[in-house]
């Protein structure tokens, strides 16, 4: 090395490669952090949906509908969320697939009603976590800072 204050080409190349790696790593970690927040928020929302079902508390019109057509839904139903999968459709769209289980025997329509409630609270939780405006009364689709989040029909196991 000479003492004339010049930087070697190898040193410049090394610094350039380190900067590129650093920028790429930071970008990937920020993207992954947002996905982790979406996943955590979805799990909290799903649990809220299950809790609402466990309380068996509904608005008057929903209560009247359930009383006439789905009386099982007016009692507390033990439901467990098995898993929530995140499926990336493209760079800006994520679909969430919830898997649930109940020890009670439920009809397909009863499962659909409970599943809709679970999905509603998933979307609501994500929307509120990212402080976004709701798109409609069903929070569909939910939005994060960089993604549009949709929910698939709950699969019962």
Protein backbone atom coordinates (compact mmCIF):
# COMPACT_ATOMS: atom_id res chain seq x y z
CA UNK A 1 0.00 0.00 0.00
CA UNK A 2 1.34 3.41 -0.85
CA UNK A 3 0.90 6.47 1.31
CA UNK A 4 -0.43 8.84 -1.33
CA UNK A 5 -4.12 8.68 -0.20
CA UNK A 6 -5.38 6.63 -3.09
CA UNK A 7 -7.85 3.79 -2.55
CA UNK A 8 -7.22 0.57 -4.38
CA UNK A 9 -9.76 -0.79 -6.83
CA UNK A 10 -10.11 -3.95 -4.74
CA UNK A 11 -11.12 -1.92 -1.71
CA UNK A 12 -13.72 0.02 -3.73
CA UNK A 13 -15.10 -3.22 -5.17
CA UNK A 14 -15.32 -4.77 -1.69
CA UNK A 15 -17.15 -1.74 -0.27
CA UNK A 16 -19.54 -1.75 -3.26
CA UNK A 17 -20.39 -5.43 -2.78
CA UNK A 18 -20.93 -4.93 0.95
CA UNK A 19 -23.30 -2.01 0.31
CA UNK A 20 -25.31 -4.04 -2.24
CA UNK A 21 -25.58 -6.99 0.16
CA UNK A 22 -26.58 -4.67 3.01
CA UNK A 23 -29.33 -2.95 1.00
CA UNK A 24 -30.71 -6.30 -0.20
CA UNK A 25 -30.70 -7.75 3.31
CA UNK A 26 -32.45 -4.72 4.79
CA UNK A 27 -35.12 -4.78 2.07
CA UNK A 28 -35.78 -8.50 2.60
CA UNK A 29 -36.01 -8.11 6.38
CA UNK A 30 -38.46 -5.20 6.12
CA UNK A 31 -40.67 -7.24 3.75
CA UNK A 32 -40.53 -10.25 6.07
CA UNK A 33 -41.34 -8.09 9.09
CA UNK A 34 -44.52 -6.83 7.40
CA UNK A 35 -45.55 -10.42 6.58
CA UNK A 36 -44.91 -11.43 10.20
CA UNK A 37 -47.14 -8.58 11.39
CA UNK A 38 -49.87 -9.67 8.95
CA UNK A 39 -49.62 -13.26 10.20
CA UNK A 40 -49.72 -12.26 13.88
CA UNK A 41 -52.62 -9.89 13.28
CA UNK A 42 -54.50 -12.63 11.40
CA UNK A 43 -54.05 -15.02 14.33
CA UNK A 44 -55.32 -12.41 16.79
CA UNK A 45 -58.29 -11.67 14.52
CA UNK A 46 -59.14 -15.35 14.14
CA UNK A 47 -59.06 -15.77 17.90
CA UNK A 48 -61.34 -12.73 18.29
CA UNK A 49 -63.78 -14.30 15.82
CA UNK A 50 -63.77 -17.53 17.80
CA UNK A 51 -64.23 -15.63 21.06
CA UNK A 52 -67.25 -13.78 19.64
CA UNK A 53 -68.72 -17.14 18.71
CA UNK A 54 -67.93 -18.47 22.19
CA UNK A 55 -69.87 -15.62 23.78
CA UNK A 56 -72.79 -16.30 21.42
CA UNK A 57 -73.59 -12.57 21.40
CA UNK A 58 -75.11 -11.23 18.19
CA UNK A 59 -76.93 -8.24 16.77
CA UNK A 60 -80.73 -8.51 16.83
CA UNK A 61 -81.15 -9.37 13.14
CA UNK A 62 -78.38 -11.98 13.32
CA UNK A 63 -79.84 -13.41 16.52
CA UNK A 64 -83.29 -13.72 14.93
CA UNK A 65 -81.83 -15.39 11.83
CA UNK A 66 -79.84 -17.85 13.94
CA UNK A 67 -82.80 -18.53 16.20
CA UNK A 68 -84.93 -19.47 13.20
CA UNK A 69 -82.32 -21.26 11.08
CA UNK A 70 -79.19 -22.13 13.10
CA UNK A 71 -80.07 -22.61 16.78
CA UNK A 72 -76.74 -24.39 17.46
CA UNK A 73 -74.93 -21.12 16.82
CA UNK A 74 -76.75 -19.49 19.75
CA UNK A 75 -74.87 -21.65 22.20
CA UNK A 76 -71.18 -21.54 22.89
CA UNK A 77 -69.28 -23.69 20.38
CA UNK A 78 -65.74 -24.84 21.07
CA UNK A 79 -63.65 -24.02 18.00
CA UNK A 80 -59.91 -24.21 17.56
CA UNK A 81 -57.82 -22.53 14.87
CA UNK A 82 -55.34 -25.12 13.65
CA UNK A 83 -53.35 -22.98 11.27
CA UNK A 84 -53.42 -19.85 9.14
CA UNK A 85 -51.45 -20.15 5.90
CA UNK A 86 -50.18 -17.18 3.95
CA UNK A 87 -50.31 -17.64 0.17
CA UNK A 88 -48.63 -15.03 -2.02
CA UNK A 89 -50.55 -14.57 -5.26
CA UNK A 90 -48.30 -11.90 -6.75
CA UNK A 91 -46.04 -9.13 -5.49
CA UNK A 92 -48.91 -7.17 -3.93
CA UNK A 93 -51.61 -9.72 -3.04
CA UNK A 94 -51.64 -12.18 -0.16
CA UNK A 95 -54.40 -14.70 0.54
CA UNK A 96 -54.88 -16.13 4.01
CA UNK A 97 -56.24 -19.63 4.46
CA UNK A 98 -57.54 -20.51 7.93
CA UNK A 99 -57.97 -24.09 9.10
CA UNK A 100 -60.38 -24.71 12.00
CA UNK A 101 -61.74 -27.60 14.02
CA UNK A 102 -64.80 -28.07 16.19
CA UNK A 103 -65.70 -31.02 18.39
CA UNK A 104 -69.38 -30.29 17.79
CA UNK A 105 -71.11 -31.66 14.72
CA UNK A 106 -71.94 -28.64 12.58
CA UNK A 107 -73.71 -28.45 9.25
CA UNK A 108 -71.97 -26.99 6.23
CA UNK A 109 -74.03 -23.80 6.54
CA UNK A 110 -73.17 -23.42 10.23
CA UNK A 111 -69.48 -23.87 9.42
CA UNK A 112 -69.79 -21.26 6.67
CA UNK A 113 -71.33 -18.75 9.09
CA UNK A 114 -68.63 -19.34 11.70
CA UNK A 115 -65.93 -19.27 9.01
CA UNK A 116 -67.26 -15.96 7.68
CA UNK A 117 -67.06 -14.50 11.17
CA UNK A 118 -63.48 -15.75 11.58
CA UNK A 119 -62.47 -14.25 8.22
CA UNK A 120 -64.23 -10.97 9.04
CA UNK A 121 -62.24 -10.59 12.26
CA UNK A 122 -59.00 -11.56 10.49
CA UNK A 123 -59.48 -8.79 7.91
CA UNK A 124 -60.63 -6.32 10.56
CA UNK A 125 -57.61 -7.02 12.77
CA UNK A 126 -55.18 -6.53 9.87
CA UNK A 127 -56.89 -3.29 8.78
CA UNK A 128 -56.75 -1.91 12.32
CA UNK A 129 -53.16 -3.05 12.89
CA UNK A 130 -51.96 -1.06 9.88
CA UNK A 131 -54.32 1.89 10.61
CA UNK A 132 -55.94 1.67 7.17
CA UNK A 133 -59.42 2.76 6.19
CA UNK A 134 -61.87 -0.09 5.80
CA UNK A 135 -62.90 -0.71 2.19
CA UNK A 136 -66.46 -1.68 3.14
CA UNK A 137 -68.38 -2.98 6.15
CA UNK A 138 -66.76 -6.41 5.72
CA UNK A 139 -63.18 -5.05 5.64
CA UNK A 140 -62.71 -6.87 2.34
CA UNK A 141 -60.01 -6.73 1.17
CA UNK A 142 -57.77 -5.75 4.05
CA UNK A 143 -54.65 -3.71 3.39
CA UNK A 144 -51.22 -3.41 4.91
CA UNK A 145 -48.58 -0.91 3.89
CA UNK A 146 -47.53 -2.90 0.80
CA UNK A 147 -50.08 -5.70 0.35
CA UNK A 148 -53.73 -6.35 -0.34
CA UNK A 149 -54.90 -9.20 1.89
CA UNK A 150 -57.80 -11.47 1.00
CA UNK A 151 -59.19 -14.43 2.92
CA UNK A 152 -60.20 -17.79 1.56
CA UNK A 153 -63.10 -19.87 2.86
CA UNK A 154 -62.17 -21.54 6.16
CA UNK A 155 -61.32 -25.22 5.81
CA UNK A 156 -62.72 -27.42 8.58
CA UNK A 157 -60.81 -30.48 9.76
